[in-house]
Amino acid sequence: MWLPLLAGLWCLEYFFVSGPGPRDLLRWVGLGLGTLGLAGLTVARYTLGRSFSISPKARELVTRGIYSRIRNPIYVSGVIFAAGFFLMVRKPVFWFVLLPIVILQIVRANKEARVLEAAFGDSYREYRKRTWF
């Protein structure tokens, strides 16, 4: 869990300091978004604990912490991190990568939702009603 966090922090710091373009408001906004996304990823991953998996599995219905508001905070935070990083790097071609990332996250979230609904039934359906994405 800690290696991706350290890699993300290094990436943000490196591109903020050494990336192309001026260190202006746009770069600061990118750093803020990147940091917010990385923090969200870290909190979400920590909250999942042993329920984390790469492929959808129904070990436990986690509804505490950040999961009490957002069903898929890892996906949302990953997109926020990417958007911040893309702002800092200032390569317009990267923005064309963001749309497929968002689509992929929606597909993955829907796949997970089917697995969780099959395993937890009404509990999951109630959880979906009171949370976002």
N, C-alpha and C. Protein backbone atom coordinates (compact mmCIF):
# COMPACT_ATOMS: atom_id res chain seq x y z
N MET A 1 0.82 -1.19 0.00
CA MET A 1 0.00 0.00 0.00
C MET A 1 0.86 1.26 0.00
N TRP A 2 1.97 1.23 0.67
CA TRP A 2 2.76 2.46 0.83
C TRP A 2 3.61 2.77 -0.40
N LEU A 3 4.00 1.76 -1.15
CA LEU A 3 4.83 2.00 -2.33
C LEU A 3 4.10 2.86 -3.37
N PRO A 4 2.84 2.58 -3.71
CA PRO A 4 2.14 3.46 -4.65
C PRO A 4 1.98 4.88 -4.13
N LEU A 5 1.78 5.03 -2.82
CA LEU A 5 1.68 6.38 -2.25
C LEU A 5 2.98 7.13 -2.43
N LEU A 6 4.09 6.49 -2.10
CA LEU A 6 5.39 7.14 -2.25
C LEU A 6 5.69 7.46 -3.72
N ALA A 7 5.34 6.54 -4.61
CA ALA A 7 5.54 6.78 -6.04
C ALA A 7 4.70 7.96 -6.51
N GLY A 8 3.46 8.04 -6.04
CA GLY A 8 2.60 9.16 -6.41
C GLY A 8 3.12 10.48 -5.88
N LEU A 9 3.59 10.50 -4.64
CA LEU A 9 4.17 11.73 -4.07
C LEU A 9 5.41 12.15 -4.84
N TRP A 10 6.27 11.18 -5.17
CA TRP A 10 7.47 11.49 -5.94
C TRP A 10 7.09 12.06 -7.30
N CYS A 11 6.12 11.45 -7.95
CA CYS A 11 5.67 11.88 -9.27
C CYS A 11 5.16 13.33 -9.22
N LEU A 12 4.32 13.64 -8.24
CA LEU A 12 3.80 14.99 -8.11
C LEU A 12 4.93 15.99 -7.87
N GLU A 13 5.81 15.65 -6.95
CA GLU A 13 6.91 16.57 -6.62
C GLU A 13 7.82 16.77 -7.83
N TYR A 14 8.18 15.69 -8.49
CA TYR A 14 9.10 15.77 -9.62
C TYR A 14 8.52 16.64 -10.74
N PHE A 15 7.27 16.37 -11.11
CA PHE A 15 6.69 17.12 -12.22
C PHE A 15 6.31 18.55 -11.83
N PHE A 16 6.05 18.78 -10.55
CA PHE A 16 5.81 20.16 -10.13
C PHE A 16 7.08 20.98 -10.26
N VAL A 17 8.19 20.41 -9.81
CA VAL A 17 9.46 21.12 -9.82
C VAL A 17 10.12 21.11 -11.19
N SER A 18 10.14 19.96 -11.86
CA SER A 18 10.92 19.80 -13.09
C SER A 18 10.10 19.70 -14.37
N GLY A 19 8.80 19.68 -14.26
CA GLY A 19 7.97 19.51 -15.45
C GLY A 19 8.03 20.71 -16.38
N PRO A 20 7.54 20.53 -17.61
CA PRO A 20 7.57 21.62 -18.58
C PRO A 20 6.61 22.75 -18.20
N GLY A 21 6.92 23.94 -18.64
CA GLY A 21 6.05 25.08 -18.43
C GLY A 21 6.35 25.82 -17.14
N PRO A 22 5.70 26.98 -17.00
CA PRO A 22 5.95 27.82 -15.82
C PRO A 22 5.26 27.28 -14.57
N ARG A 23 5.74 27.70 -13.43
CA ARG A 23 5.10 27.36 -12.16
C ARG A 23 4.07 28.45 -11.84
N ASP A 24 2.97 28.39 -12.53
CA ASP A 24 1.93 29.39 -12.40
C ASP A 24 0.72 28.81 -11.68
N LEU A 25 -0.39 29.52 -11.72
CA LEU A 25 -1.61 29.08 -11.04
C LEU A 25 -2.07 27.72 -11.55
N LEU A 26 -1.97 27.49 -12.84
CA LEU A 26 -2.39 26.21 -13.41
C LEU A 26 -1.60 25.04 -12.83
N ARG A 27 -0.30 25.24 -12.66
CA ARG A 27 0.52 24.17 -12.08
C ARG A 27 0.15 23.96 -10.61
N TRP A 28 -0.14 25.03 -9.88
CA TRP A 28 -0.54 24.91 -8.48
C TRP A 28 -1.89 24.20 -8.35
N VAL A 29 -2.81 24.50 -9.26
CA VAL A 29 -4.11 23.82 -9.27
C VAL A 29 -3.89 22.33 -9.55
N GLY A 30 -3.02 22.03 -10.50
CA GLY A 30 -2.70 20.63 -10.81
C GLY A 30 -2.11 19.93 -9.60
N LEU A 31 -1.20 20.60 -8.90
CA LEU A 31 -0.61 20.01 -7.70
C LEU A 31 -1.68 19.77 -6.64
N GLY A 32 -2.58 20.73 -6.47
CA GLY A 32 -3.66 20.57 -5.49
C GLY A 32 -4.56 19.39 -5.83
N LEU A 33 -4.97 19.30 -7.10
CA LEU A 33 -5.82 18.18 -7.53
C LEU A 33 -5.08 16.85 -7.39
N GLY A 34 -3.82 16.83 -7.81
CA GLY A 34 -3.04 15.60 -7.70
C GLY A 34 -2.90 15.15 -6.26
N THR A 35 -2.65 16.09 -5.37
CA THR A 35 -2.51 15.77 -3.95
C THR A 35 -3.84 15.30 -3.36
N LEU A 36 -4.93 15.98 -3.74
CA LEU A 36 -6.26 15.57 -3.27
C LEU A 36 -6.58 14.16 -3.76
N GLY A 37 -6.30 13.89 -5.03
CA GLY A 37 -6.55 12.56 -5.57
C GLY A 37 -5.72 11.49 -4.89
N LEU A 38 -4.46 11.80 -4.64
CA LEU A 38 -3.58 10.84 -3.97
C LEU A 38 -4.03 10.59 -2.54
N ALA A 39 -4.45 11.65 -1.85
CA ALA A 39 -4.97 11.48 -0.49
C ALA A 39 -6.23 10.61 -0.50
N GLY A 40 -7.12 10.86 -1.46
CA GLY A 40 -8.33 10.05 -1.56
C GLY A 40 -8.02 8.59 -1.83
N LEU A 41 -7.07 8.34 -2.73
CA LEU A 41 -6.64 6.97 -3.01
C LEU A 41 -6.12 6.29 -1.76
N THR A 42 -5.30 7.00 -1.01
CA THR A 42 -4.69 6.42 0.19
C THR A 42 -5.74 6.12 1.26
N VAL A 43 -6.63 7.08 1.51
CA VAL A 43 -7.67 6.88 2.52
C VAL A 43 -8.60 5.74 2.12
N ALA A 44 -8.99 5.70 0.86
CA ALA A 44 -9.90 4.65 0.39
C ALA A 44 -9.25 3.28 0.49
N ARG A 45 -8.02 3.19 0.08
CA ARG A 45 -7.30 1.90 0.12
C ARG A 45 -7.13 1.44 1.56
N TYR A 46 -6.79 2.35 2.45
CA TYR A 46 -6.62 2.02 3.86
C TYR A 46 -7.95 1.57 4.47
N THR A 47 -9.03 2.26 4.12
CA THR A 47 -10.35 1.92 4.66
C THR A 47 -10.79 0.53 4.19
N LEU A 48 -10.46 0.17 2.96
CA LEU A 48 -10.83 -1.15 2.45
C LEU A 48 -10.12 -2.28 3.19
N GLY A 49 -8.88 -2.02 3.60
CA GLY A 49 -8.12 -3.05 4.31
C GLY A 49 -8.02 -4.34 3.51
N ARG A 50 -8.38 -5.45 4.12
CA ARG A 50 -8.28 -6.76 3.46
C ARG A 50 -9.35 -6.99 2.41
N SER A 51 -10.31 -6.08 2.31
CA SER A 51 -11.34 -6.22 1.29
C SER A 51 -10.87 -5.75 -0.07
N PHE A 52 -9.69 -5.14 -0.13
CA PHE A 52 -9.15 -4.67 -1.41
C PHE A 52 -8.77 -5.85 -2.29
N SER A 53 -9.12 -5.74 -3.57
CA SER A 53 -8.68 -6.73 -4.55
C SER A 53 -8.67 -6.08 -5.93
N ILE A 54 -7.89 -6.64 -6.80
CA ILE A 54 -7.80 -6.12 -8.16
C ILE A 54 -9.06 -6.47 -8.95
N SER A 55 -9.49 -7.71 -8.85
CA SER A 55 -10.72 -8.11 -9.53
C SER A 55 -11.86 -8.08 -8.51
N PRO A 56 -13.11 -7.84 -8.97
CA PRO A 56 -14.23 -7.72 -8.04
C PRO A 56 -14.46 -8.98 -7.21
N LYS A 57 -14.48 -8.80 -5.90
CA LYS A 57 -14.78 -9.89 -4.97
C LYS A 57 -15.68 -9.33 -3.88
N ALA A 58 -16.49 -10.17 -3.31
CA ALA A 58 -17.44 -9.74 -2.27
C ALA A 58 -17.01 -10.29 -0.92
N ARG A 59 -15.95 -9.76 -0.37
CA ARG A 59 -15.46 -10.22 0.93
C ARG A 59 -16.27 -9.58 2.06
N GLU A 60 -16.52 -8.27 1.91
CA GLU A 60 -17.21 -7.51 2.94
C GLU A 60 -17.80 -6.28 2.27
N LEU A 61 -18.96 -5.81 2.73
CA LEU A 61 -19.54 -4.57 2.22
C LEU A 61 -19.02 -3.44 3.10
N VAL A 62 -18.03 -2.72 2.60
CA VAL A 62 -17.41 -1.64 3.36
C VAL A 62 -18.24 -0.37 3.17
N THR A 63 -18.80 0.15 4.27
CA THR A 63 -19.65 1.34 4.21
C THR A 63 -19.20 2.42 5.19
N ARG A 64 -18.02 2.29 5.71
CA ARG A 64 -17.52 3.26 6.70
C ARG A 64 -16.53 4.22 6.04
N GLY A 65 -16.21 5.27 6.76
CA GLY A 65 -15.23 6.24 6.27
C GLY A 65 -15.67 6.87 4.96
N ILE A 66 -14.74 7.01 4.04
CA ILE A 66 -15.01 7.64 2.76
C ILE A 66 -16.07 6.85 1.97
N TYR A 67 -16.18 5.55 2.26
CA TYR A 67 -17.17 4.71 1.58
C TYR A 67 -18.59 4.98 2.05
N SER A 68 -18.76 5.77 3.10
CA SER A 68 -20.10 6.14 3.54
C SER A 68 -20.70 7.22 2.64
N ARG A 69 -19.86 7.85 1.82
CA ARG A 69 -20.33 8.91 0.91
C ARG A 69 -20.16 8.54 -0.57
N ILE A 70 -19.07 7.84 -0.88
CA ILE A 70 -18.74 7.51 -2.28
C ILE A 70 -18.53 6.00 -2.36
N ARG A 71 -19.23 5.34 -3.30
CA ARG A 71 -19.09 3.88 -3.43
C ARG A 71 -17.75 3.47 -4.03
N ASN A 72 -17.19 4.31 -4.87
CA ASN A 72 -15.96 3.96 -5.58
C ASN A 72 -14.91 5.07 -5.44
N PRO A 73 -14.49 5.37 -4.22
CA PRO A 73 -13.56 6.49 -4.04
C PRO A 73 -12.19 6.26 -4.67
N ILE A 74 -11.78 5.02 -4.85
CA ILE A 74 -10.49 4.77 -5.50
C ILE A 74 -10.56 5.22 -6.95
N TYR A 75 -11.66 4.92 -7.63
CA TYR A 75 -11.81 5.31 -9.03
C TYR A 75 -11.93 6.83 -9.16
N VAL A 76 -12.75 7.44 -8.31
CA VAL A 76 -12.94 8.89 -8.36
C VAL A 76 -11.61 9.59 -8.06
N SER A 77 -10.93 9.14 -7.03
CA SER A 77 -9.66 9.76 -6.64
C SER A 77 -8.59 9.57 -7.71
N GLY A 78 -8.60 8.43 -8.37
CA GLY A 78 -7.65 8.18 -9.45
C GLY A 78 -7.83 9.15 -10.60
N VAL A 79 -9.08 9.44 -10.94
CA VAL A 79 -9.35 10.40 -12.01
C VAL A 79 -8.92 11.81 -11.58
N ILE A 80 -9.18 12.18 -10.32
CA ILE A 80 -8.74 13.48 -9.82
C ILE A 80 -7.22 13.59 -9.85
N PHE A 81 -6.53 12.53 -9.42
CA PHE A 81 -5.07 12.51 -9.47
C PHE A 81 -4.58 12.69 -10.90
N ALA A 82 -5.16 11.94 -11.83
CA ALA A 82 -4.74 12.02 -13.24
C ALA A 82 -4.97 13.43 -13.79
N ALA A 83 -6.12 14.02 -13.48
CA ALA A 83 -6.41 15.38 -13.97
C ALA A 83 -5.38 16.37 -13.43
N GLY A 84 -5.04 16.26 -12.16
CA GLY A 84 -4.03 17.15 -11.59
C GLY A 84 -2.67 16.95 -12.24
N PHE A 85 -2.31 15.71 -12.43
CA PHE A 85 -1.03 15.40 -13.07
C PHE A 85 -1.00 15.96 -14.49
N PHE A 86 -2.09 15.77 -15.24
CA PHE A 86 -2.15 16.26 -16.62
C PHE A 86 -2.06 17.79 -16.68
N LEU A 87 -2.65 18.47 -15.69
CA LEU A 87 -2.52 19.93 -15.64
C LEU A 87 -1.07 20.35 -15.44
N MET A 88 -0.37 19.65 -14.57
CA MET A 88 1.02 20.00 -14.30
C MET A 88 1.92 19.72 -15.49
N VAL A 89 1.69 18.63 -16.18
CA VAL A 89 2.57 18.22 -17.28
C VAL A 89 2.34 19.07 -18.53
N ARG A 90 1.11 19.56 -18.71
CA ARG A 90 0.78 20.47 -19.82
C ARG A 90 0.98 19.86 -21.20
N LYS A 91 0.66 18.61 -21.31
CA LYS A 91 0.69 17.95 -22.62
C LYS A 91 -0.76 17.70 -23.02
N PRO A 92 -1.29 18.49 -23.96
CA PRO A 92 -2.71 18.36 -24.33
C PRO A 92 -3.12 16.95 -24.75
N VAL A 93 -2.21 16.18 -25.30
CA VAL A 93 -2.55 14.82 -25.73
C VAL A 93 -3.01 13.97 -24.54
N PHE A 94 -2.53 14.25 -23.34
CA PHE A 94 -2.93 13.48 -22.16
C PHE A 94 -4.42 13.62 -21.86
N TRP A 95 -5.01 14.74 -22.23
CA TRP A 95 -6.44 14.93 -21.96
C TRP A 95 -7.28 13.95 -22.75
N PHE A 96 -6.74 13.48 -23.89
CA PHE A 96 -7.46 12.46 -24.65
C PHE A 96 -7.40 11.10 -23.96
N VAL A 97 -6.47 10.95 -23.04
CA VAL A 97 -6.34 9.71 -22.28
C VAL A 97 -7.34 9.69 -21.12
N LEU A 98 -7.72 10.87 -20.64
CA LEU A 98 -8.60 10.94 -19.47
C LEU A 98 -9.98 10.34 -19.76
N LEU A 99 -10.53 10.58 -20.94
CA LEU A 99 -11.86 10.04 -21.26
C LEU A 99 -11.88 8.51 -21.20
N PRO A 100 -10.92 7.82 -21.84
CA PRO A 100 -10.93 6.35 -21.69
C PRO A 100 -10.73 5.90 -20.24
N ILE A 101 -9.97 6.65 -19.45
CA ILE A 101 -9.80 6.30 -18.04
C ILE A 101 -11.14 6.37 -17.32
N VAL A 102 -11.88 7.45 -17.56
CA VAL A 102 -13.19 7.62 -16.93
C VAL A 102 -14.13 6.49 -17.36
N ILE A 103 -14.16 6.19 -18.64
CA ILE A 103 -15.03 5.11 -19.14
C ILE A 103 -14.64 3.78 -18.51
N LEU A 104 -13.36 3.50 -18.43
CA LEU A 104 -12.89 2.26 -17.81
C LEU A 104 -13.32 2.18 -16.34
N GLN A 105 -13.23 3.29 -15.63
CA GLN A 105 -13.62 3.29 -14.21
C GLN A 105 -15.12 3.05 -14.06
N ILE A 106 -15.92 3.60 -14.96
CA ILE A 106 -17.36 3.36 -14.91
C ILE A 106 -17.67 1.89 -15.17
N VAL A 107 -17.01 1.31 -16.16
CA VAL A 107 -17.22 -0.12 -16.46
C VAL A 107 -16.81 -0.97 -15.27
N ARG A 108 -15.66 -0.67 -14.68
CA ARG A 108 -15.20 -1.45 -13.51
C ARG A 108 -16.16 -1.30 -12.33
N ALA A 109 -16.66 -0.08 -12.11
CA ALA A 109 -17.60 0.16 -11.01
C ALA A 109 -18.88 -0.63 -11.22
N ASN A 110 -19.37 -0.67 -12.44
CA ASN A 110 -20.59 -1.43 -12.73
C ASN A 110 -20.38 -2.93 -12.52
N LYS A 111 -19.21 -3.42 -12.90
CA LYS A 111 -18.90 -4.83 -12.70
C LYS A 111 -18.85 -5.15 -11.19
N GLU A 112 -18.22 -4.29 -10.43
CA GLU A 112 -18.17 -4.48 -8.98
C GLU A 112 -19.56 -4.42 -8.37
N ALA A 113 -20.39 -3.50 -8.87
CA ALA A 113 -21.75 -3.36 -8.34
C ALA A 113 -22.54 -4.65 -8.52
N ARG A 114 -22.39 -5.28 -9.66
CA ARG A 114 -23.11 -6.54 -9.90
C ARG A 114 -22.64 -7.63 -8.92
N VAL A 115 -21.34 -7.71 -8.68
CA VAL A 115 -20.81 -8.71 -7.75
C VAL A 115 -21.30 -8.44 -6.33
N LEU A 116 -21.26 -7.18 -5.91
CA LEU A 116 -21.68 -6.83 -4.56
C LEU A 116 -23.19 -7.00 -4.37
N GLU A 117 -23.96 -6.65 -5.39
CA GLU A 117 -25.40 -6.81 -5.28
C GLU A 117 -25.78 -8.30 -5.20
N ALA A 118 -25.09 -9.12 -5.96
CA ALA A 118 -25.36 -10.56 -5.91
C ALA A 118 -25.02 -11.13 -4.53
N ALA A 119 -23.98 -10.61 -3.91
CA ALA A 119 -23.53 -11.14 -2.61
C ALA A 119 -24.30 -10.55 -1.43
N PHE A 120 -24.62 -9.25 -1.50
CA PHE A 120 -25.19 -8.58 -0.33
C PHE A 120 -26.63 -8.11 -0.52
N GLY A 121 -27.18 -8.29 -1.70
CA GLY A 121 -28.60 -8.03 -1.97
C GLY A 121 -29.12 -6.68 -1.52
N ASP A 122 -30.15 -6.71 -0.66
CA ASP A 122 -30.81 -5.48 -0.22
C ASP A 122 -29.88 -4.53 0.53
N SER A 123 -28.93 -5.08 1.27
CA SER A 123 -27.98 -4.21 1.98
C SER A 123 -27.20 -3.35 0.99
N TYR A 124 -26.77 -3.95 -0.11
CA TYR A 124 -26.03 -3.19 -1.12
C TYR A 124 -26.94 -2.20 -1.83
N ARG A 125 -28.17 -2.60 -2.14
CA ARG A 125 -29.10 -1.69 -2.82
C ARG A 125 -29.40 -0.47 -1.96
N GLU A 126 -29.55 -0.66 -0.66
CA GLU A 126 -29.75 0.48 0.26
C GLU A 126 -28.51 1.37 0.30
N TYR A 127 -27.37 0.75 0.34
CA TYR A 127 -26.10 1.49 0.34
C TYR A 127 -25.98 2.34 -0.92
N ARG A 128 -26.34 1.78 -2.06
CA ARG A 128 -26.28 2.53 -3.34
C ARG A 128 -27.18 3.75 -3.30
N LYS A 129 -28.33 3.63 -2.66
CA LYS A 129 -29.27 4.76 -2.61
C LYS A 129 -28.72 5.96 -1.84
N ARG A 130 -27.88 5.71 -0.87
CA ARG A 130 -27.41 6.82 -0.02
C ARG A 130 -25.98 7.28 -0.34
N THR A 131 -25.40 6.74 -1.41
CA THR A 131 -24.03 7.14 -1.78
C THR A 131 -23.97 7.59 -3.25
N TRP A 132 -22.89 8.28 -3.57
CA TRP A 132 -22.65 8.74 -4.93
C TRP A 132 -21.64 7.84 -5.61
N PHE A 133 -21.78 7.61 -6.91
CA PHE A 133 -20.92 6.80 -7.75
C PHE A 133 -20.27 5.69 -6.97
